[in-house]
Amino acid sequence: MLIAGFAAGAWGTNCYVVAPAAGEECVIIDPGHQATAGVEETLAKHRLKPVAVVLTHGHIDHVA
């Protein structure tokens, strides 16, 4: 199981990318404000293909 997390944006919102293993399909969880660079870096580093986005709730720091 691959779980990569990072803090994004001015609020330091936790964003996660979860996959069975490197090179597999993944789910992106809470890609909030200013998470694009971190998501792109994580996808490239682990050769992941995003297939879904999960939003845990509708605050701007979790939804971009």
Protein backbone atom coordinates (compact mmCIF):
# COMPACT_ATOMS: atom_id res chain seq x y z
CA MET A 1 0.00 0.00 0.00
CA LEU A 2 1.34 3.42 -0.96
CA ILE A 3 0.08 6.39 1.05
CA ALA A 4 1.73 9.72 0.24
CA GLY A 5 0.66 12.82 2.13
CA PHE A 6 1.68 16.45 2.10
CA ALA A 7 0.50 19.81 3.42
CA ALA A 8 -0.85 22.18 0.76
CA GLY A 9 -1.46 25.88 0.62
CA ALA A 10 -1.38 28.62 3.20
CA TRP A 11 -3.59 26.59 5.56
CA GLY A 12 -1.37 23.52 5.37
CA THR A 13 -4.28 21.30 4.40
CA ASN A 14 -3.46 17.60 4.43
CA CYS A 15 -3.76 16.01 1.00
CA TYR A 16 -3.19 12.31 0.39
CA VAL A 17 -2.58 10.10 -2.63
CA VAL A 18 -3.39 6.43 -2.02
CA ALA A 19 -2.59 3.46 -4.28
CA PRO A 20 -2.00 -0.29 -3.95
CA ALA A 21 1.62 0.24 -5.08
CA ALA A 22 3.82 2.46 -7.24
CA GLY A 23 2.86 2.35 -10.92
CA GLU A 24 -0.80 1.65 -10.16
CA GLU A 25 -4.07 3.60 -10.23
CA CYS A 26 -4.60 5.95 -7.29
CA VAL A 27 -7.14 8.05 -5.43
CA ILE A 28 -6.44 11.66 -4.46
CA ILE A 29 -7.98 12.71 -1.13
CA ASP A 30 -8.74 16.36 -0.30
CA PRO A 31 -6.76 18.17 -3.01
CA GLY A 32 -7.53 21.60 -1.62
CA HIS A 33 -6.33 25.08 -2.45
CA GLN A 34 -2.80 25.10 -3.94
CA ALA A 35 -2.39 21.30 -3.95
CA THR A 36 -1.69 21.00 -7.69
CA ALA A 37 2.12 21.03 -7.48
CA GLY A 38 2.21 18.46 -4.67
CA VAL A 39 -0.23 16.16 -6.45
CA GLU A 40 1.69 16.36 -9.74
CA GLU A 41 5.00 15.70 -7.96
CA THR A 42 3.58 12.69 -6.12
CA LEU A 43 2.00 11.22 -9.27
CA ALA A 44 5.26 11.56 -11.22
CA LYS A 45 7.49 10.27 -8.41
CA HIS A 46 5.44 7.09 -7.96
CA ARG A 47 4.26 6.72 -11.60
CA LEU A 48 0.61 6.82 -10.54
CA LYS A 49 -2.57 7.19 -12.61
CA PRO A 50 -5.35 9.09 -10.81
CA VAL A 51 -8.81 7.55 -11.21
CA ALA A 52 -10.80 9.35 -8.51
CA VAL A 53 -10.86 12.32 -6.17
CA VAL A 54 -12.36 11.97 -2.69
CA LEU A 55 -13.52 15.11 -0.89
CA THR A 56 -14.09 14.58 2.82
CA HIS A 57 -16.08 17.81 3.14
CA GLY A 58 -16.82 21.05 1.29
CA HIS A 59 -14.57 23.64 2.92
CA ILE A 60 -12.33 25.58 0.50
CA ASP A 61 -9.18 24.18 2.11
CA HIS A 62 -10.28 20.69 1.04
CA VAL A 63 -11.93 21.48 -2.31
CA ALA A 64 -10.17 23.43 -5.06
